[in-house]
């Protein structure tokens, strides 16, 4: 077994810890966020994923940021009225109750 390397002094054992203060500092409530993040799963070809991963590595960014930027660019290229109509149609179709036949 390897010897333990203690870097703190014996008196540090009895001092109060600040772990709970650090956690509170980084936790954000939903009211703090401008836009709520939605988690999803994407199916990409291996070649596409490899390219995205390489770009993220090269630019020192996260993969999710590269994908978000690409999708935002695509949405910005579409007509705003067309997007609004699509959203309205989608929300209208998904809000309808599903009628099931009685057994």
PDB file of N, CA and C in Angstrom:
ATOM      1  N   UNK A   1       0.833  -1.186   0.000  1.00  0.00           N
ATOM      2  CA  UNK A   1       0.000   0.000   0.000  1.00  0.00           C
ATOM      3  C   UNK A   1       0.877   1.247   0.000  1.00  0.00           C
ATOM      4  N   UNK A   2       0.425   2.234  -0.680  1.00  0.00           N
ATOM      5  CA  UNK A   2       1.160   3.489  -0.735  1.00  0.00           C
ATOM      6  C   UNK A   2       0.859   4.328   0.496  1.00  0.00           C
ATOM      7  N   UNK A   3       1.834   5.121   0.887  1.00  0.00           N
ATOM      8  CA  UNK A   3       1.628   6.010   2.026  1.00  0.00           C
ATOM      9  C   UNK A   3       0.728   7.163   1.625  1.00  0.00           C
ATOM     10  N   UNK A   4      -0.102   7.575   2.545  1.00  0.00           N
ATOM     11  CA  UNK A   4      -0.983   8.713   2.304  1.00  0.00           C
ATOM     12  C   UNK A   4      -0.174   9.996   2.415  1.00  0.00           C
ATOM     13  N   UNK A   5      -0.463  10.923   1.553  1.00  0.00           N
ATOM     14  CA  UNK A   5       0.177  12.235   1.574  1.00  0.00           C
ATOM     15  C   UNK A   5      -0.834  13.244   2.093  1.00  0.00           C
ATOM     16  N   UNK A   6      -0.716  13.635   3.339  1.00  0.00           N
ATOM     17  CA  UNK A   6      -1.607  14.619   3.922  1.00  0.00           C
ATOM     18  C   UNK A   6      -1.016  16.003   3.743  1.00  0.00           C
ATOM     19  N   UNK A   7      -1.761  16.879   3.078  1.00  0.00           N
ATOM     20  CA  UNK A   7      -1.251  18.233   2.831  1.00  0.00           C
ATOM     21  C   UNK A   7      -1.773  19.231   3.849  1.00  0.00           C
ATOM     22  N   UNK A   8      -2.845  18.897   4.551  1.00  0.00           N
ATOM     23  CA  UNK A   8      -3.418  19.812   5.530  1.00  0.00           C
ATOM     24  C   UNK A   8      -2.857  19.506   6.916  1.00  0.00           C
ATOM     25  N   UNK A   9      -2.902  20.495   7.778  1.00  0.00           N
ATOM     26  CA  UNK A   9      -2.425  20.290   9.142  1.00  0.00           C
ATOM     27  C   UNK A   9      -3.515  19.635   9.989  1.00  0.00           C
ATOM     28  N   UNK A  10      -3.121  19.195  11.174  1.00  0.00           N
ATOM     29  CA  UNK A  10      -4.048  18.540  12.089  1.00  0.00           C
ATOM     30  C   UNK A  10      -5.182  19.476  12.494  1.00  0.00           C
ATOM     31  N   UNK A  11      -4.924  20.765  12.613  1.00  0.00           N
ATOM     32  CA  UNK A  11      -5.936  21.731  13.034  1.00  0.00           C
ATOM     33  C   UNK A  11      -7.019  21.918  11.968  1.00  0.00           C
ATOM     34  N   UNK A  12      -6.706  21.635  10.707  1.00  0.00           N
ATOM     35  CA  UNK A  12      -7.695  21.785   9.640  1.00  0.00           C
ATOM     36  C   UNK A  12      -8.859  20.801   9.771  1.00  0.00           C
ATOM     37  N   UNK A  13      -8.641  19.730  10.500  1.00  0.00           N
ATOM     38  CA  UNK A  13      -9.704  18.744  10.685  1.00  0.00           C
ATOM     39  C   UNK A  13     -10.883  19.363  11.429  1.00  0.00           C
ATOM     40  N   UNK A  14     -10.586  20.261  12.371  1.00  0.00           N
ATOM     41  CA  UNK A  14     -11.629  20.832  13.209  1.00  0.00           C
ATOM     42  C   UNK A  14     -12.187  22.145  12.677  1.00  0.00           C
ATOM     43  N   UNK A  15     -11.668  22.631  11.564  1.00  0.00           N
ATOM     44  CA  UNK A  15     -12.189  23.882  11.007  1.00  0.00           C
ATOM     45  C   UNK A  15     -13.439  23.586  10.180  1.00  0.00           C
ATOM     46  N   UNK A  16     -14.379  24.540  10.135  1.00  0.00           N
ATOM     47  CA  UNK A  16     -15.610  24.297   9.361  1.00  0.00           C
ATOM     48  C   UNK A  16     -15.306  24.242   7.865  1.00  0.00           C
ATOM     49  N   UNK A  17     -16.075  23.445   7.177  1.00  0.00           N
ATOM     50  CA  UNK A  17     -15.891  23.331   5.729  1.00  0.00           C
ATOM     51  C   UNK A  17     -16.814  24.296   5.013  1.00  0.00           C
ATOM     52  N   UNK A  18     -16.504  24.591   3.757  1.00  0.00           N
ATOM     53  CA  UNK A  18     -17.289  25.532   2.965  1.00  0.00           C
ATOM     54  C   UNK A  18     -17.911  24.857   1.760  1.00  0.00           C
ATOM     55  N   UNK A  19     -18.045  23.550   1.793  1.00  0.00           N
ATOM     56  CA  UNK A  19     -18.573  22.818   0.642  1.00  0.00           C
ATOM     57  C   UNK A  19     -19.993  23.255   0.314  1.00  0.00           C
ATOM     58  N   UNK A  20     -20.845  23.413   1.326  1.00  0.00           N
ATOM     59  CA  UNK A  20     -22.226  23.799   1.064  1.00  0.00           C
ATOM     60  C   UNK A  20     -22.309  25.196   0.463  1.00  0.00           C
ATOM     61  N   UNK A  21     -21.376  26.070   0.791  1.00  0.00           N
ATOM     62  CA  UNK A  21     -21.383  27.412   0.216  1.00  0.00           C
ATOM     63  C   UNK A  21     -20.994  27.373  -1.255  1.00  0.00           C
ATOM     64  N   UNK A  22     -20.056  26.505  -1.609  1.00  0.00           N
ATOM     65  CA  UNK A  22     -19.631  26.413  -3.003  1.00  0.00           C
ATOM     66  C   UNK A  22     -20.751  25.857  -3.873  1.00  0.00           C
ATOM     67  N   UNK A  23     -21.478  24.856  -3.371  1.00  0.00           N
ATOM     68  CA  UNK A  23     -22.565  24.282  -4.158  1.00  0.00           C
ATOM     69  C   UNK A  23     -23.657  25.307  -4.418  1.00  0.00           C
ATOM     70  N   UNK A  24     -24.005  26.102  -3.432  1.00  0.00           N
ATOM     71  CA  UNK A  24     -25.056  27.105  -3.599  1.00  0.00           C
ATOM     72  C   UNK A  24     -24.659  28.157  -4.621  1.00  0.00           C
ATOM     73  N   UNK A  25     -23.384  28.416  -4.727  1.00  0.00           N
ATOM     74  CA  UNK A  25     -22.897  29.450  -5.642  1.00  0.00           C
ATOM     75  C   UNK A  25     -23.140  29.069  -7.105  1.00  0.00           C
ATOM     76  N   UNK A  26     -23.022  27.779  -7.432  1.00  0.00           N
ATOM     77  CA  UNK A  26     -23.089  27.360  -8.824  1.00  0.00           C
ATOM     78  C   UNK A  26     -24.454  26.836  -9.256  1.00  0.00           C
ATOM     79  N   UNK A  27     -25.349  26.600  -8.317  1.00  0.00           N
ATOM     80  CA  UNK A  27     -26.676  26.110  -8.674  1.00  0.00           C
ATOM     81  C   UNK A  27     -27.521  27.277  -9.181  1.00  0.00           C
ATOM     82  N   UNK A  28     -28.102  27.100 -10.369  1.00  0.00           N
ATOM     83  CA  UNK A  28     -28.964  28.128 -10.937  1.00  0.00           C
ATOM     84  C   UNK A  28     -30.404  27.641 -10.908  1.00  0.00           C
ATOM     85  N   UNK A  29     -31.286  28.516 -10.585  1.00  0.00           N
ATOM     86  CA  UNK A  29     -32.700  28.184 -10.625  1.00  0.00           C
ATOM     87  C   UNK A  29     -33.221  28.438 -12.036  1.00  0.00           C
ATOM     88  N   UNK A  30     -34.347  27.838 -12.401  1.00  0.00           N
ATOM     89  CA  UNK A  30     -34.885  28.062 -13.749  1.00  0.00           C
ATOM     90  C   UNK A  30     -35.166  29.533 -14.056  1.00  0.00           C
ATOM     91  N   UNK A  31     -35.435  30.344 -13.032  1.00  0.00           N
ATOM     92  CA  UNK A  31     -35.709  31.763 -13.275  1.00  0.00           C
ATOM     93  C   UNK A  31     -34.464  32.502 -13.758  1.00  0.00           C
ATOM     94  N   UNK A  32     -33.273  31.962 -13.418  1.00  0.00           N
ATOM     95  CA  UNK A  32     -32.024  32.610 -13.816  1.00  0.00           C
ATOM     96  C   UNK A  32     -31.710  32.386 -15.293  1.00  0.00           C
ATOM     97  N   UNK A  33     -32.242  31.322 -15.866  1.00  0.00           N
ATOM     98  CA  UNK A  33     -31.937  30.987 -17.253  1.00  0.00           C
ATOM     99  C   UNK A  33     -32.836  31.764 -18.204  1.00  0.00           C
ATOM    100  N   UNK A  34     -32.242  32.266 -19.294  1.00  0.00           N
ATOM    101  CA  UNK A  34     -33.038  32.942 -20.315  1.00  0.00           C
ATOM    102  C   UNK A  34     -33.887  31.927 -21.079  1.00  0.00           C
ATOM    103  N   UNK A  35     -33.319  30.774 -21.341  1.00  0.00           N
ATOM    104  CA  UNK A  35     -34.005  29.742 -22.104  1.00  0.00           C
ATOM    105  C   UNK A  35     -33.763  28.404 -21.408  1.00  0.00           C
ATOM    106  N   UNK A  36     -34.812  27.652 -21.197  1.00  0.00           N
ATOM    107  CA  UNK A  36     -34.664  26.357 -20.546  1.00  0.00           C
ATOM    108  C   UNK A  36     -34.075  25.383 -21.555  1.00  0.00           C
ATOM    109  N   UNK A  37     -33.104  24.618 -21.121  1.00  0.00           N
ATOM    110  CA  UNK A  37     -32.410  23.675 -21.992  1.00  0.00           C
ATOM    111  C   UNK A  37     -33.209  22.389 -22.071  1.00  0.00           C
ATOM    112  N   UNK A  38     -33.322  21.831 -23.269  1.00  0.00           N
ATOM    113  CA  UNK A  38     -34.020  20.571 -23.493  1.00  0.00           C
ATOM    114  C   UNK A  38     -32.992  19.504 -23.853  1.00  0.00           C
ATOM    115  N   UNK A  39     -32.994  18.428 -23.121  1.00  0.00           N
ATOM    116  CA  UNK A  39     -32.094  17.317 -23.415  1.00  0.00           C
ATOM    117  C   UNK A  39     -32.734  16.450 -24.492  1.00  0.00           C
ATOM    118  N   UNK A  40     -31.932  15.998 -25.456  1.00  0.00           N
ATOM    119  CA  UNK A  40     -32.445  15.157 -26.527  1.00  0.00           C
ATOM    120  C   UNK A  40     -31.350  14.202 -26.992  1.00  0.00           C
ATOM    121  N   UNK A  41     -31.725  13.245 -27.796  1.00  0.00           N
ATOM    122  CA  UNK A  41     -30.779  12.299 -28.369  1.00  0.00           C
ATOM    123  C   UNK A  41     -30.764  12.489 -29.878  1.00  0.00           C
ATOM    124  N   UNK A  42     -29.588  12.540 -30.451  1.00  0.00           N
ATOM    125  CA  UNK A  42     -29.444  12.677 -31.894  1.00  0.00           C
ATOM    126  C   UNK A  42     -28.785  11.428 -32.460  1.00  0.00           C
ATOM    127  N   UNK A  43     -29.240  11.013 -33.598  1.00  0.00           N
ATOM    128  CA  UNK A  43     -28.588   9.925 -34.312  1.00  0.00           C
ATOM    129  C   UNK A  43     -27.864  10.527 -35.499  1.00  0.00           C
ATOM    130  N   UNK A  44     -26.537  10.451 -35.480  1.00  0.00           N
ATOM    131  CA  UNK A  44     -25.703  11.014 -36.526  1.00  0.00           C
ATOM    132  C   UNK A  44     -24.851   9.906 -37.127  1.00  0.00           C
ATOM    133  N   UNK A  45     -24.476  10.095 -38.373  1.00  0.00           N
ATOM    134  CA  UNK A  45     -23.533   9.143 -38.948  1.00  0.00           C
ATOM    135  C   UNK A  45     -22.199   9.291 -38.217  1.00  0.00           C
ATOM    136  N   UNK A  46     -21.426   8.229 -38.221  1.00  0.00           N
ATOM    137  CA  UNK A  46     -20.140   8.277 -37.512  1.00  0.00           C
ATOM    138  C   UNK A  46     -19.222   9.336 -38.100  1.00  0.00           C
ATOM    139  N   UNK A  47     -19.274   9.488 -39.398  1.00  0.00           N
ATOM    140  CA  UNK A  47     -18.415  10.481 -40.061  1.00  0.00           C
ATOM    141  C   UNK A  47     -18.800  11.898 -39.636  1.00  0.00           C
ATOM    142  N   UNK A  48     -20.108  12.182 -39.572  1.00  0.00           N
ATOM    143  CA  UNK A  48     -20.574  13.504 -39.145  1.00  0.00           C
ATOM    144  C   UNK A  48     -20.184  13.765 -37.702  1.00  0.00           C
ATOM    145  N   UNK A  49     -20.394  12.771 -36.834  1.00  0.00           N
ATOM    146  CA  UNK A  49     -20.048  12.942 -35.425  1.00  0.00           C
ATOM    147  C   UNK A  49     -18.542  13.145 -35.245  1.00  0.00           C
ATOM    148  N   UNK A  50     -17.760  12.391 -36.009  1.00  0.00           N
ATOM    149  CA  UNK A  50     -16.301  12.526 -35.928  1.00  0.00           C
ATOM    150  C   UNK A  50     -15.864  13.926 -36.337  1.00  0.00           C
ATOM    151  N   UNK A  51     -16.494  14.474 -37.377  1.00  0.00           N
ATOM    152  CA  UNK A  51     -16.163  15.829 -37.837  1.00  0.00           C
ATOM    153  C   UNK A  51     -16.546  16.864 -36.783  1.00  0.00           C
ATOM    154  N   UNK A  52     -17.733  16.728 -36.201  1.00  0.00           N
ATOM    155  CA  UNK A  52     -18.187  17.671 -35.168  1.00  0.00           C
ATOM    156  C   UNK A  52     -17.270  17.602 -33.953  1.00  0.00           C
ATOM    157  N   UNK A  53     -16.911  16.385 -33.564  1.00  0.00           N
ATOM    158  CA  UNK A  53     -16.037  16.202 -32.409  1.00  0.00           C
ATOM    159  C   UNK A  53     -14.661  16.807 -32.666  1.00  0.00           C
ATOM    160  N   UNK A  54     -14.136  16.648 -33.882  1.00  0.00           N
ATOM    161  CA  UNK A  54     -12.838  17.212 -34.227  1.00  0.00           C
ATOM    162  C   UNK A  54     -12.881  18.737 -34.225  1.00  0.00           C
ATOM    163  N   UNK A  55     -13.956  19.313 -34.759  1.00  0.00           N
ATOM    164  CA  UNK A  55     -14.099  20.770 -34.766  1.00  0.00           C
ATOM    165  C   UNK A  55     -14.191  21.299 -33.334  1.00  0.00           C
ATOM    166  N   UNK A  56     -14.949  20.615 -32.494  1.00  0.00           N
ATOM    167  CA  UNK A  56     -15.068  21.029 -31.100  1.00  0.00           C
ATOM    168  C   UNK A  56     -13.708  20.971 -30.407  1.00  0.00           C
ATOM    169  N   UNK A  57     -12.945  19.937 -30.665  1.00  0.00           N
ATOM    170  CA  UNK A  57     -11.611  19.818 -30.086  1.00  0.00           C
ATOM    171  C   UNK A  57     -10.703  20.933 -30.592  1.00  0.00           C
ATOM    172  N   UNK A  58     -10.741  21.165 -31.901  1.00  0.00           N
ATOM    173  CA  UNK A  58      -9.864  22.155 -32.524  1.00  0.00           C
ATOM    174  C   UNK A  58     -10.153  23.562 -32.014  1.00  0.00           C
ATOM    175  N   UNK A  59     -11.443  23.866 -31.818  1.00  0.00           N
ATOM    176  CA  UNK A  59     -11.838  25.194 -31.358  1.00  0.00           C
ATOM    177  C   UNK A  59     -11.934  25.291 -29.837  1.00  0.00           C
ATOM    178  N   UNK A  60     -11.624  24.199 -29.152  1.00  0.00           N
ATOM    179  CA  UNK A  60     -11.682  24.151 -27.680  1.00  0.00           C
ATOM    180  C   UNK A  60     -13.075  24.532 -27.171  1.00  0.00           C
ATOM    181  N   UNK A  61     -14.083  23.910 -27.788  1.00  0.00           N
ATOM    182  CA  UNK A  61     -15.472  24.156 -27.421  1.00  0.00           C
ATOM    183  C   UNK A  61     -16.145  22.819 -27.151  1.00  0.00           C
ATOM    184  N   UNK A  62     -17.350  22.872 -26.624  1.00  0.00           N
ATOM    185  CA  UNK A  62     -18.100  21.648 -26.386  1.00  0.00           C
ATOM    186  C   UNK A  62     -18.877  21.254 -27.635  1.00  0.00           C
ATOM    187  N   UNK A  63     -19.100  19.959 -27.787  1.00  0.00           N
ATOM    188  CA  UNK A  63     -19.831  19.446 -28.942  1.00  0.00           C
ATOM    189  C   UNK A  63     -21.226  20.041 -28.996  1.00  0.00           C
ATOM    190  N   UNK A  64     -21.877  20.156 -27.850  1.00  0.00           N
ATOM    191  CA  UNK A  64     -23.240  20.700 -27.825  1.00  0.00           C
ATOM    192  C   UNK A  64     -23.275  22.135 -28.340  1.00  0.00           C
ATOM    193  N   UNK A  65     -22.217  22.898 -28.112  1.00  0.00           N
ATOM    194  CA  UNK A  65     -22.172  24.277 -28.603  1.00  0.00           C
ATOM    195  C   UNK A  65     -22.038  24.325 -30.121  1.00  0.00           C
ATOM    196  N   UNK A  66     -21.264  23.408 -30.679  1.00  0.00           N
ATOM    197  CA  UNK A  66     -21.113  23.338 -32.146  1.00  0.00           C
ATOM    198  C   UNK A  66     -22.450  22.973 -32.785  1.00  0.00           C
ATOM    199  N   UNK A  67     -23.139  21.972 -32.221  1.00  0.00           N
ATOM    200  CA  UNK A  67     -24.424  21.546 -32.773  1.00  0.00           C
ATOM    201  C   UNK A  67     -25.468  22.647 -32.619  1.00  0.00           C
ATOM    202  N   UNK A  68     -25.501  23.306 -31.450  1.00  0.00           N
ATOM    203  CA  UNK A  68     -26.446  24.414 -31.224  1.00  0.00           C
ATOM    204  C   UNK A  68     -26.224  25.531 -32.244  1.00  0.00           C
ATOM    205  N   UNK A  69     -24.971  25.865 -32.497  1.00  0.00           N
ATOM    206  CA  UNK A  69     -24.655  26.921 -33.466  1.00  0.00           C
ATOM    207  C   UNK A  69     -25.100  26.530 -34.871  1.00  0.00           C
ATOM    208  N   UNK A  70     -24.900  25.274 -35.245  1.00  0.00           N
ATOM    209  CA  UNK A  70     -25.288  24.811 -36.583  1.00  0.00           C
ATOM    210  C   UNK A  70     -26.813  24.838 -36.753  1.00  0.00           C
ATOM    211  N   UNK A  71     -27.530  24.369 -35.742  1.00  0.00           N
ATOM    212  CA  UNK A  71     -28.993  24.346 -35.839  1.00  0.00           C
ATOM    213  C   UNK A  71     -29.553  25.762 -35.821  1.00  0.00           C
ATOM    214  N   UNK A  72     -28.979  26.627 -34.990  1.00  0.00           N
ATOM    215  CA  UNK A  72     -29.419  28.027 -34.953  1.00  0.00           C
ATOM    216  C   UNK A  72     -29.182  28.697 -36.303  1.00  0.00           C
ATOM    217  N   UNK A  73     -28.058  28.417 -36.915  1.00  0.00           N
ATOM    218  CA  UNK A  73     -27.777  28.959 -38.248  1.00  0.00           C
ATOM    219  C   UNK A  73     -28.795  28.490 -39.276  1.00  0.00           C
ATOM    220  N   UNK A  74     -29.162  27.217 -39.190  1.00  0.00           N
ATOM    221  CA  UNK A  74     -30.176  26.685 -40.109  1.00  0.00           C
ATOM    222  C   UNK A  74     -31.523  27.359 -39.884  1.00  0.00           C
ATOM    223  N   UNK A  75     -31.922  27.494 -38.611  1.00  0.00           N
ATOM    224  CA  UNK A  75     -33.206  28.130 -38.313  1.00  0.00           C
ATOM    225  C   UNK A  75     -33.229  29.590 -38.739  1.00  0.00           C
ATOM    226  N   UNK A  76     -32.107  30.272 -38.614  1.00  0.00           N
ATOM    227  CA  UNK A  76     -32.025  31.669 -39.047  1.00  0.00           C
ATOM    228  C   UNK A  76     -32.136  31.805 -40.567  1.00  0.00           C
ATOM    229  N   UNK A  77     -31.801  30.737 -41.294  1.00  0.00           N
ATOM    230  CA  UNK A  77     -31.898  30.795 -42.751  1.00  0.00           C
ATOM    231  C   UNK A  77     -33.333  30.615 -43.243  1.00  0.00           C
ATOM    232  N   UNK A  78     -34.228  30.127 -42.374  1.00  0.00           N
ATOM    233  CA  UNK A  78     -35.631  29.926 -42.743  1.00  0.00           C
ATOM    234  C   UNK A  78     -36.430  31.199 -42.520  1.00  0.00           C
ATOM    235  N   UNK A  79     -37.571  31.272 -43.176  1.00  0.00           N
ATOM    236  CA  UNK A  79     -38.482  32.399 -43.015  1.00  0.00           C
ATOM    237  C   UNK A  79     -39.139  32.321 -41.631  1.00  0.00           C
ATOM    238  N   UNK A  80     -39.152  33.428 -40.897  1.00  0.00           N
ATOM    239  CA  UNK A  80     -39.708  33.459 -39.535  1.00  0.00           C
ATOM    240  C   UNK A  80     -41.196  33.093 -39.540  1.00  0.00           C
ATOM    241  N   UNK A  81     -41.944  33.543 -40.541  1.00  0.00           N
ATOM    242  CA  UNK A  81     -43.373  33.201 -40.614  1.00  0.00           C
ATOM    243  C   UNK A  81     -43.575  31.701 -40.806  1.00  0.00           C
ATOM    244  N   UNK A  82     -42.710  31.089 -41.606  1.00  0.00           N
ATOM    245  CA  UNK A  82     -42.804  29.654 -41.845  1.00  0.00           C
ATOM    246  C   UNK A  82     -42.550  28.880 -40.547  1.00  0.00           C
ATOM    247  N   UNK A  83     -41.591  29.331 -39.760  1.00  0.00           N
ATOM    248  CA  UNK A  83     -41.293  28.675 -38.482  1.00  0.00           C
ATOM    249  C   UNK A  83     -42.471  28.829 -37.528  1.00  0.00           C
ATOM    250  N   UNK A  84     -43.048  30.025 -37.458  1.00  0.00           N
ATOM    251  CA  UNK A  84     -44.194  30.259 -36.573  1.00  0.00           C
ATOM    252  C   UNK A  84     -45.374  29.378 -36.958  1.00  0.00           C
ATOM    253  N   UNK A  85     -45.641  29.247 -38.267  1.00  0.00           N
ATOM    254  CA  UNK A  85     -46.726  28.389 -38.724  1.00  0.00           C
ATOM    255  C   UNK A  85     -46.457  26.934 -38.353  1.00  0.00           C
ATOM    256  N   UNK A  86     -45.229  26.499 -38.519  1.00  0.00           N
ATOM    257  CA  UNK A  86     -44.867  25.115 -38.191  1.00  0.00           C
ATOM    258  C   UNK A  86     -45.040  24.850 -36.697  1.00  0.00           C
ATOM    259  N   UNK A  87     -44.626  25.799 -35.867  1.00  0.00           N
ATOM    260  CA  UNK A  87     -44.768  25.645 -34.413  1.00  0.00           C
ATOM    261  C   UNK A  87     -46.235  25.608 -34.022  1.00  0.00           C
ATOM    262  N   UNK A  88     -47.030  26.515 -34.593  1.00  0.00           N
ATOM    263  CA  UNK A  88     -48.465  26.546 -34.285  1.00  0.00           C
ATOM    264  C   UNK A  88     -49.131  25.238 -34.692  1.00  0.00           C
ATOM    265  N   UNK A  89     -48.811  24.741 -35.873  1.00  0.00           N
ATOM    266  CA  UNK A  89     -49.384  23.478 -36.348  1.00  0.00           C
ATOM    267  C   UNK A  89     -48.948  22.322 -35.453  1.00  0.00           C
ATOM    268  N   UNK A  90     -47.664  22.299 -35.107  1.00  0.00           N
ATOM    269  CA  UNK A  90     -47.146  21.227 -34.249  1.00  0.00           C
ATOM    270  C   UNK A  90     -47.808  21.244 -32.874  1.00  0.00           C
ATOM    271  N   UNK A  91     -47.901  22.422 -32.269  1.00  0.00           N
ATOM    272  CA  UNK A  91     -48.515  22.520 -30.948  1.00  0.00           C
ATOM    273  C   UNK A  91     -50.003  22.198 -31.005  1.00  0.00           C
ATOM    274  N   UNK A  92     -50.657  22.586 -32.074  1.00  0.00           N
ATOM    275  CA  UNK A  92     -52.075  22.261 -32.231  1.00  0.00           C
ATOM    276  C   UNK A  92     -52.302  20.766 -32.365  1.00  0.00           C
ATOM    277  N   UNK A  93     -51.443  20.091 -33.117  1.00  0.00           N
ATOM    278  CA  UNK A  93     -51.585  18.649 -33.311  1.00  0.00           C
ATOM    279  C   UNK A  93     -51.219  17.870 -32.060  1.00  0.00           C
ATOM    280  N   UNK A  94     -50.245  18.336 -31.308  1.00  0.00           N
ATOM    281  CA  UNK A  94     -49.804  17.580 -30.134  1.00  0.00           C
ATOM    282  C   UNK A  94     -50.688  17.828 -28.921  1.00  0.00           C
ATOM    283  N   UNK A  95     -51.495  18.887 -28.942  1.00  0.00           N
ATOM    284  CA  UNK A  95     -52.358  19.193 -27.811  1.00  0.00           C
ATOM    285  C   UNK A  95     -53.705  18.477 -27.906  1.00  0.00           C
ATOM    286  N   UNK A  96     -54.025  17.911 -29.060  1.00  0.00           N
ATOM    287  CA  UNK A  96     -55.302  17.209 -29.222  1.00  0.00           C
ATOM    288  C   UNK A  96     -55.254  15.900 -28.447  1.00  0.00           C
ATOM    289  N   UNK A  97     -56.349  15.554 -27.765  1.00  0.00           N
ATOM    290  CA  UNK A  97     -56.351  14.280 -27.034  1.00  0.00           C
ATOM    291  C   UNK A  97     -56.398  13.106 -28.007  1.00  0.00           C
ATOM    292  N   UNK A  98     -55.770  12.051 -27.603  1.00  0.00           N
ATOM    293  CA  UNK A  98     -55.766  10.836 -28.420  1.00  0.00           C
ATOM    294  C   UNK A  98     -57.004  10.020 -28.043  1.00  0.00           C
ATOM    295  N   UNK A  99     -57.848   9.792 -29.037  1.00  0.00           N
ATOM    296  CA  UNK A  99     -59.066   9.030 -28.792  1.00  0.00           C
ATOM    297  C   UNK A  99     -58.779   7.548 -29.028  1.00  0.00           C
ATOM    298  N   UNK A 100     -59.157   6.752 -28.066  1.00  0.00           N
ATOM    299  CA  UNK A 100     -58.943   5.308 -28.176  1.00  0.00           C
ATOM    300  C   UNK A 100     -60.303   4.624 -28.272  1.00  0.00           C
ATOM    301  N   UNK A 101     -60.323   3.596 -29.042  1.00  0.00           N
ATOM    302  CA  UNK A 101     -61.568   2.826 -29.171  1.00  0.00           C
ATOM    303  C   UNK A 101     -61.785   2.011 -27.906  1.00  0.00           C
ATOM    304  N   UNK A 102     -63.040   1.963 -27.445  1.00  0.00           N
ATOM    305  CA  UNK A 102     -63.305   1.141 -26.252  1.00  0.00           C
ATOM    306  C   UNK A 102     -63.086  -0.321 -26.544  1.00  0.00           C
ATOM    307  N   UNK A 103     -62.656  -1.049 -25.535  1.00  0.00           N
ATOM    308  CA  UNK A 103     -62.403  -2.479 -25.710  1.00  0.00           C
ATOM    309  C   UNK A 103     -63.665  -3.289 -25.549  1.00  0.00           C
TER     310      UNK A 103
END
